[in-house]
Amino acid sequence: MNAFEVRYQVILNEGFDTNPPVPSDPPKSRGRPKQSPAKNLLDRLQNQQTEVLRFMVDFEVPFDNNQAERDLRMMKLKQKISGGFRSLPGGQFFCRIRGYISTLKKQEQNILDRLKQFFGGNPTIPVLLT
């Protein structure tokens, strides 16, 4: 176990000390006793420690794996501000534009230059990797 894993375990143990399990009184209903959200998170972080720390041993794995959430954030923001899209084709068009821009970002293209080319009638077709 390396120093980072040891530190990770120390932090988890501090969390478990702060958020002890629910006392096991005779339950009034079936199932396990309800735990706090903090305790549930600690359990997941301990049970999935290998996956949580994978970015430290496999440099292909990003530190955060929220790209899908980032891709959806603009759409959720538009729904929040304007209440949604006025028509289905408008929503589909918005998704196509956002998907195009997101793909260009992932392929490290200059977005402004590519949009100028697109509106100039010479669009860059992103390379689709399988």
N, C-alpha and C. Protein backbone atom coordinates (compact mmCIF):
# COMPACT_ATOMS: atom_id res chain seq x y z
N MET A 1 0.85 -1.18 0.00
CA MET A 1 0.00 0.00 0.00
C MET A 1 0.90 1.24 0.00
N ASN A 2 0.66 2.16 -0.94
CA ASN A 2 1.51 3.36 -0.99
C ASN A 2 0.99 4.43 -0.03
N ALA A 3 1.71 5.53 0.06
CA ALA A 3 1.39 6.58 1.03
C ALA A 3 0.02 7.20 0.77
N PHE A 4 -0.37 7.33 -0.51
CA PHE A 4 -1.68 7.91 -0.82
C PHE A 4 -2.81 7.00 -0.35
N GLU A 5 -2.64 5.70 -0.54
CA GLU A 5 -3.68 4.77 -0.10
C GLU A 5 -3.79 4.75 1.42
N VAL A 6 -2.65 4.85 2.09
CA VAL A 6 -2.66 4.90 3.56
C VAL A 6 -3.38 6.16 4.03
N ARG A 7 -3.07 7.29 3.42
CA ARG A 7 -3.73 8.55 3.78
C ARG A 7 -5.23 8.49 3.50
N TYR A 8 -5.60 7.88 2.36
CA TYR A 8 -7.01 7.71 2.00
C TYR A 8 -7.72 6.90 3.09
N GLN A 9 -7.08 5.82 3.56
CA GLN A 9 -7.68 4.98 4.59
C GLN A 9 -7.80 5.73 5.91
N VAL A 10 -6.81 6.57 6.24
CA VAL A 10 -6.86 7.36 7.48
C VAL A 10 -8.04 8.32 7.42
N ILE A 11 -8.23 8.96 6.26
CA ILE A 11 -9.35 9.90 6.11
C ILE A 11 -10.68 9.16 6.23
N LEU A 12 -10.78 7.99 5.60
CA LEU A 12 -12.01 7.21 5.73
C LEU A 12 -12.27 6.83 7.19
N ASN A 13 -11.24 6.41 7.90
CA ASN A 13 -11.42 6.02 9.31
C ASN A 13 -11.88 7.21 10.14
N GLU A 14 -11.36 8.40 9.87
CA GLU A 14 -11.83 9.60 10.58
C GLU A 14 -13.31 9.84 10.27
N GLY A 15 -13.69 9.62 9.02
CA GLY A 15 -15.09 9.77 8.64
C GLY A 15 -15.99 8.77 9.34
N PHE A 16 -15.51 7.52 9.44
CA PHE A 16 -16.31 6.49 10.13
C PHE A 16 -16.43 6.80 11.62
N ASP A 17 -15.36 7.37 12.21
CA ASP A 17 -15.43 7.76 13.63
C ASP A 17 -16.45 8.88 13.84
N THR A 18 -16.52 9.80 12.89
CA THR A 18 -17.44 10.93 12.98
C THR A 18 -18.87 10.51 12.68
N ASN A 19 -19.05 9.52 11.82
CA ASN A 19 -20.37 9.06 11.40
C ASN A 19 -20.53 7.57 11.69
N PRO A 20 -20.73 7.23 12.97
CA PRO A 20 -20.83 5.81 13.31
C PRO A 20 -22.10 5.19 12.73
N PRO A 21 -22.12 3.87 12.62
CA PRO A 21 -23.33 3.22 12.13
C PRO A 21 -24.51 3.43 13.08
N VAL A 22 -25.69 3.28 12.52
CA VAL A 22 -26.90 3.42 13.31
C VAL A 22 -26.96 2.27 14.32
N PRO A 23 -27.32 2.56 15.60
CA PRO A 23 -27.41 1.46 16.58
C PRO A 23 -28.41 0.41 16.10
N SER A 24 -28.08 -0.83 16.39
CA SER A 24 -28.94 -1.92 15.91
C SER A 24 -30.02 -2.26 16.93
N ASP A 25 -30.96 -1.32 17.13
CA ASP A 25 -32.13 -1.60 17.95
C ASP A 25 -33.04 -2.51 17.14
N PRO A 26 -33.96 -3.20 17.82
CA PRO A 26 -34.88 -4.02 17.04
C PRO A 26 -35.65 -3.14 16.05
N PRO A 27 -35.54 -3.44 14.78
CA PRO A 27 -36.21 -2.59 13.79
C PRO A 27 -37.73 -2.68 13.89
N LYS A 28 -38.38 -1.54 13.64
CA LYS A 28 -39.83 -1.50 13.67
C LYS A 28 -40.40 -1.92 12.33
N SER A 29 -39.54 -1.90 11.32
CA SER A 29 -39.98 -2.34 10.00
C SER A 29 -38.91 -3.26 9.43
N ARG A 30 -39.24 -3.84 8.32
CA ARG A 30 -38.30 -4.77 7.68
C ARG A 30 -37.12 -4.02 7.07
N GLY A 31 -36.09 -4.77 6.76
CA GLY A 31 -34.94 -4.21 6.07
C GLY A 31 -33.89 -3.69 7.02
N ARG A 32 -32.86 -3.16 6.42
CA ARG A 32 -31.76 -2.61 7.21
C ARG A 32 -32.15 -1.26 7.79
N PRO A 33 -31.56 -0.90 8.91
CA PRO A 33 -31.83 0.44 9.45
C PRO A 33 -31.27 1.51 8.53
N LYS A 34 -31.95 2.62 8.45
CA LYS A 34 -31.53 3.71 7.58
C LYS A 34 -30.26 4.35 8.13
N GLN A 35 -29.30 4.59 7.22
CA GLN A 35 -28.06 5.26 7.59
C GLN A 35 -28.07 6.69 7.07
N SER A 36 -27.15 7.48 7.59
CA SER A 36 -27.05 8.87 7.11
C SER A 36 -26.42 8.87 5.72
N PRO A 37 -26.69 9.93 4.94
CA PRO A 37 -26.04 10.04 3.62
C PRO A 37 -24.51 10.02 3.72
N ALA A 38 -23.96 10.63 4.78
CA ALA A 38 -22.50 10.63 4.95
C ALA A 38 -21.97 9.21 5.15
N LYS A 39 -22.67 8.43 5.94
CA LYS A 39 -22.25 7.04 6.18
C LYS A 39 -22.36 6.22 4.90
N ASN A 40 -23.41 6.44 4.12
CA ASN A 40 -23.55 5.72 2.85
C ASN A 40 -22.39 6.06 1.91
N LEU A 41 -22.01 7.34 1.87
CA LEU A 41 -20.89 7.76 1.02
C LEU A 41 -19.59 7.12 1.49
N LEU A 42 -19.36 7.11 2.79
CA LEU A 42 -18.15 6.48 3.33
C LEU A 42 -18.09 5.00 2.97
N ASP A 43 -19.22 4.31 3.08
CA ASP A 43 -19.26 2.89 2.71
C ASP A 43 -18.90 2.70 1.24
N ARG A 44 -19.45 3.54 0.36
CA ARG A 44 -19.14 3.43 -1.07
C ARG A 44 -17.68 3.74 -1.35
N LEU A 45 -17.14 4.77 -0.68
CA LEU A 45 -15.73 5.12 -0.89
C LEU A 45 -14.80 4.01 -0.41
N GLN A 46 -15.19 3.30 0.62
CA GLN A 46 -14.36 2.21 1.11
C GLN A 46 -14.50 0.97 0.21
N ASN A 47 -15.73 0.63 -0.16
CA ASN A 47 -15.95 -0.56 -0.97
C ASN A 47 -15.42 -0.41 -2.39
N GLN A 48 -15.35 0.82 -2.88
CA GLN A 48 -14.91 1.05 -4.26
C GLN A 48 -13.58 1.82 -4.29
N GLN A 49 -12.73 1.58 -3.32
CA GLN A 49 -11.46 2.30 -3.20
C GLN A 49 -10.61 2.14 -4.46
N THR A 50 -10.56 0.95 -5.02
CA THR A 50 -9.75 0.72 -6.22
C THR A 50 -10.21 1.61 -7.36
N GLU A 51 -11.53 1.71 -7.55
CA GLU A 51 -12.07 2.53 -8.63
C GLU A 51 -11.87 4.02 -8.35
N VAL A 52 -12.03 4.43 -7.09
CA VAL A 52 -11.89 5.84 -6.73
C VAL A 52 -10.46 6.32 -6.97
N LEU A 53 -9.49 5.47 -6.69
CA LEU A 53 -8.08 5.84 -6.82
C LEU A 53 -7.45 5.39 -8.13
N ARG A 54 -8.24 4.88 -9.05
CA ARG A 54 -7.71 4.35 -10.30
C ARG A 54 -6.91 5.40 -11.08
N PHE A 55 -7.32 6.67 -11.03
CA PHE A 55 -6.62 7.71 -11.79
C PHE A 55 -5.16 7.85 -11.35
N MET A 56 -4.81 7.35 -10.16
CA MET A 56 -3.45 7.48 -9.66
C MET A 56 -2.52 6.41 -10.23
N VAL A 57 -3.09 5.31 -10.73
CA VAL A 57 -2.24 4.24 -11.27
C VAL A 57 -2.39 4.10 -12.78
N ASP A 58 -3.52 4.57 -13.32
CA ASP A 58 -3.76 4.50 -14.75
C ASP A 58 -3.95 5.92 -15.26
N PHE A 59 -2.94 6.46 -15.92
CA PHE A 59 -2.96 7.85 -16.32
C PHE A 59 -3.87 8.12 -17.51
N GLU A 60 -4.48 7.09 -18.06
CA GLU A 60 -5.48 7.26 -19.11
C GLU A 60 -6.82 7.70 -18.50
N VAL A 61 -7.01 7.43 -17.21
CA VAL A 61 -8.26 7.76 -16.53
C VAL A 61 -8.18 9.19 -16.02
N PRO A 62 -9.16 10.04 -16.39
CA PRO A 62 -9.11 11.42 -15.91
C PRO A 62 -9.38 11.50 -14.41
N PHE A 63 -8.89 12.58 -13.80
CA PHE A 63 -9.10 12.79 -12.37
C PHE A 63 -10.58 12.81 -12.03
N ASP A 64 -11.35 13.53 -12.81
CA ASP A 64 -12.80 13.51 -12.63
C ASP A 64 -13.40 12.90 -13.89
N ASN A 65 -14.47 12.22 -13.72
CA ASN A 65 -15.09 11.52 -14.84
C ASN A 65 -16.47 12.13 -15.09
N ASN A 66 -16.50 13.45 -15.20
CA ASN A 66 -17.77 14.15 -15.31
C ASN A 66 -18.01 14.73 -16.70
N GLN A 67 -17.35 14.21 -17.72
CA GLN A 67 -17.52 14.79 -19.05
C GLN A 67 -18.96 14.73 -19.52
N ALA A 68 -19.63 13.63 -19.25
CA ALA A 68 -21.04 13.52 -19.66
C ALA A 68 -21.89 14.57 -18.95
N GLU A 69 -21.62 14.80 -17.68
CA GLU A 69 -22.38 15.82 -16.95
C GLU A 69 -22.09 17.21 -17.50
N ARG A 70 -20.83 17.48 -17.86
CA ARG A 70 -20.49 18.77 -18.43
C ARG A 70 -21.18 18.97 -19.77
N ASP A 71 -21.29 17.88 -20.54
CA ASP A 71 -21.96 17.98 -21.84
C ASP A 71 -23.44 18.31 -21.69
N LEU A 72 -24.06 17.86 -20.60
CA LEU A 72 -25.49 18.12 -20.39
C LEU A 72 -25.77 19.43 -19.66
N ARG A 73 -24.76 20.01 -19.04
CA ARG A 73 -24.98 21.19 -18.20
C ARG A 73 -25.62 22.34 -18.96
N MET A 74 -25.18 22.62 -20.18
CA MET A 74 -25.73 23.74 -20.94
C MET A 74 -27.22 23.54 -21.23
N MET A 75 -27.59 22.30 -21.55
CA MET A 75 -28.99 22.03 -21.83
C MET A 75 -29.85 22.23 -20.57
N LYS A 76 -29.35 21.74 -19.44
CA LYS A 76 -30.10 21.91 -18.20
C LYS A 76 -30.20 23.39 -17.83
N LEU A 77 -29.15 24.15 -18.09
CA LEU A 77 -29.17 25.58 -17.81
C LEU A 77 -30.20 26.28 -18.69
N LYS A 78 -30.26 25.89 -19.96
CA LYS A 78 -31.24 26.48 -20.88
C LYS A 78 -32.66 26.15 -20.41
N GLN A 79 -32.89 24.92 -19.97
CA GLN A 79 -34.21 24.55 -19.45
C GLN A 79 -34.56 25.38 -18.22
N LYS A 80 -33.58 25.59 -17.36
CA LYS A 80 -33.82 26.35 -16.13
C LYS A 80 -34.16 27.81 -16.43
N ILE A 81 -33.43 28.41 -17.36
CA ILE A 81 -33.61 29.83 -17.64
C ILE A 81 -34.87 30.08 -18.46
N SER A 82 -35.02 29.36 -19.56
CA SER A 82 -36.13 29.65 -20.46
C SER A 82 -37.30 28.67 -20.31
N GLY A 83 -37.13 27.67 -19.49
CA GLY A 83 -38.22 26.71 -19.28
C GLY A 83 -38.25 25.60 -20.30
N GLY A 84 -37.32 25.57 -21.20
CA GLY A 84 -37.27 24.50 -22.19
C GLY A 84 -37.17 25.06 -23.60
N PHE A 85 -37.46 24.22 -24.55
CA PHE A 85 -37.39 24.61 -25.95
C PHE A 85 -38.80 24.82 -26.48
N ARG A 86 -38.95 25.72 -27.42
CA ARG A 86 -40.28 26.03 -27.95
C ARG A 86 -40.80 24.92 -28.85
N SER A 87 -39.90 24.19 -29.46
CA SER A 87 -40.33 23.11 -30.36
C SER A 87 -39.33 21.97 -30.31
N LEU A 88 -39.76 20.81 -30.74
CA LEU A 88 -38.88 19.65 -30.80
C LEU A 88 -37.72 19.89 -31.78
N PRO A 89 -37.98 20.43 -32.98
CA PRO A 89 -36.85 20.70 -33.88
C PRO A 89 -35.84 21.69 -33.29
N GLY A 90 -36.31 22.68 -32.53
CA GLY A 90 -35.41 23.62 -31.88
C GLY A 90 -34.50 22.93 -30.88
N GLY A 91 -35.07 22.02 -30.10
CA GLY A 91 -34.27 21.25 -29.14
C GLY A 91 -33.28 20.34 -29.83
N GLN A 92 -33.71 19.72 -30.93
CA GLN A 92 -32.81 18.84 -31.68
C GLN A 92 -31.66 19.64 -32.29
N PHE A 93 -31.96 20.82 -32.81
CA PHE A 93 -30.93 21.66 -33.41
C PHE A 93 -29.92 22.09 -32.35
N PHE A 94 -30.42 22.48 -31.17
CA PHE A 94 -29.55 22.87 -30.07
C PHE A 94 -28.62 21.71 -29.69
N CYS A 95 -29.17 20.50 -29.62
CA CYS A 95 -28.36 19.33 -29.26
C CYS A 95 -27.30 19.03 -30.31
N ARG A 96 -27.63 19.21 -31.57
CA ARG A 96 -26.65 18.99 -32.64
C ARG A 96 -25.48 19.96 -32.52
N ILE A 97 -25.81 21.23 -32.28
CA ILE A 97 -24.75 22.24 -32.14
C ILE A 97 -23.87 21.92 -30.94
N ARG A 98 -24.49 21.64 -29.80
CA ARG A 98 -23.72 21.34 -28.59
C ARG A 98 -22.88 20.08 -28.77
N GLY A 99 -23.43 19.07 -29.45
CA GLY A 99 -22.68 17.85 -29.70
C GLY A 99 -21.47 18.10 -30.58
N TYR A 100 -21.66 18.93 -31.61
CA TYR A 100 -20.56 19.28 -32.53
C TYR A 100 -19.45 20.00 -31.76
N ILE A 101 -19.83 20.98 -30.95
CA ILE A 101 -18.84 21.75 -30.18
C ILE A 101 -18.13 20.84 -29.17
N SER A 102 -18.88 19.98 -28.50
CA SER A 102 -18.30 19.07 -27.53
C SER A 102 -17.29 18.12 -28.19
N THR A 103 -17.64 17.61 -29.37
CA THR A 103 -16.73 16.71 -30.08
C THR A 103 -15.46 17.44 -30.50
N LEU A 104 -15.61 18.68 -30.97
CA LEU A 104 -14.43 19.46 -31.33
C LEU A 104 -13.52 19.69 -30.13
N LYS A 105 -14.12 19.96 -28.97
CA LYS A 105 -13.33 20.16 -27.74
C LYS A 105 -12.56 18.90 -27.40
N LYS A 106 -13.25 17.76 -27.45
CA LYS A 106 -12.62 16.49 -27.08
C LYS A 106 -11.48 16.15 -28.04
N GLN A 107 -11.59 16.61 -29.28
CA GLN A 107 -10.54 16.34 -30.25
C GLN A 107 -9.53 17.48 -30.33
N GLU A 108 -9.60 18.38 -29.33
CA GLU A 108 -8.65 19.49 -29.17
C GLU A 108 -8.56 20.36 -30.42
N GLN A 109 -9.71 20.63 -31.03
CA GLN A 109 -9.79 21.52 -32.18
C GLN A 109 -10.03 22.95 -31.70
N ASN A 110 -9.65 23.93 -32.49
CA ASN A 110 -9.94 25.32 -32.18
C ASN A 110 -11.41 25.57 -32.55
N ILE A 111 -12.24 25.75 -31.56
CA ILE A 111 -13.69 25.80 -31.78
C ILE A 111 -14.09 27.02 -32.60
N LEU A 112 -13.54 28.18 -32.28
CA LEU A 112 -13.92 29.39 -33.01
C LEU A 112 -13.56 29.27 -34.50
N ASP A 113 -12.36 28.78 -34.79
CA ASP A 113 -11.96 28.59 -36.19
C ASP A 113 -12.87 27.60 -36.89
N ARG A 114 -13.20 26.51 -36.21
CA ARG A 114 -14.05 25.49 -36.82
C ARG A 114 -15.48 26.00 -37.05
N LEU A 115 -15.98 26.83 -36.12
CA LEU A 115 -17.32 27.40 -36.32
C LEU A 115 -17.32 28.39 -37.49
N LYS A 116 -16.23 29.17 -37.62
CA LYS A 116 -16.12 30.07 -38.77
C LYS A 116 -16.14 29.28 -40.07
N GLN A 117 -15.40 28.17 -40.09
CA GLN A 117 -15.40 27.32 -41.29
C GLN A 117 -16.79 26.76 -41.55
N PHE A 118 -17.45 26.34 -40.48
CA PHE A 118 -18.79 25.76 -40.61
C PHE A 118 -19.76 26.75 -41.23
N PHE A 119 -19.79 27.97 -40.69
CA PHE A 119 -20.73 28.96 -41.21
C PHE A 119 -20.26 29.55 -42.54
N GLY A 120 -19.00 29.33 -42.88
CA GLY A 120 -18.50 29.73 -44.19
C GLY A 120 -18.77 28.69 -45.26
N GLY A 121 -19.41 27.61 -44.89
CA GLY A 121 -19.77 26.57 -45.86
C GLY A 121 -18.74 25.48 -46.02
N ASN A 122 -17.74 25.45 -45.15
CA ASN A 122 -16.69 24.43 -45.23
C ASN A 122 -16.53 23.76 -43.86
N PRO A 123 -17.53 22.98 -43.45
CA PRO A 123 -17.49 22.42 -42.08
C PRO A 123 -16.41 21.35 -41.94
N THR A 124 -15.84 21.31 -40.75
CA THR A 124 -14.91 20.24 -40.38
C THR A 124 -15.75 19.08 -39.86
N ILE A 125 -15.54 17.93 -40.45
CA ILE A 125 -16.25 16.74 -39.97
C ILE A 125 -15.35 16.08 -38.93
N PRO A 126 -15.81 16.01 -37.66
CA PRO A 126 -14.98 15.40 -36.62
C PRO A 126 -14.73 13.91 -36.92
N VAL A 127 -13.58 13.45 -36.52
CA VAL A 127 -13.25 12.04 -36.68
C VAL A 127 -14.01 11.26 -35.62
N LEU A 128 -14.76 10.26 -36.04
CA LEU A 128 -15.53 9.45 -35.11
C LEU A 128 -14.71 8.21 -34.78
N LEU A 129 -14.37 8.08 -33.51
CA LEU A 129 -13.59 6.94 -33.06
C LEU A 129 -14.53 5.88 -32.51
N THR A 130 -14.21 4.64 -32.77
CA THR A 130 -15.06 3.55 -32.25
C THR A 130 -14.37 2.82 -31.15
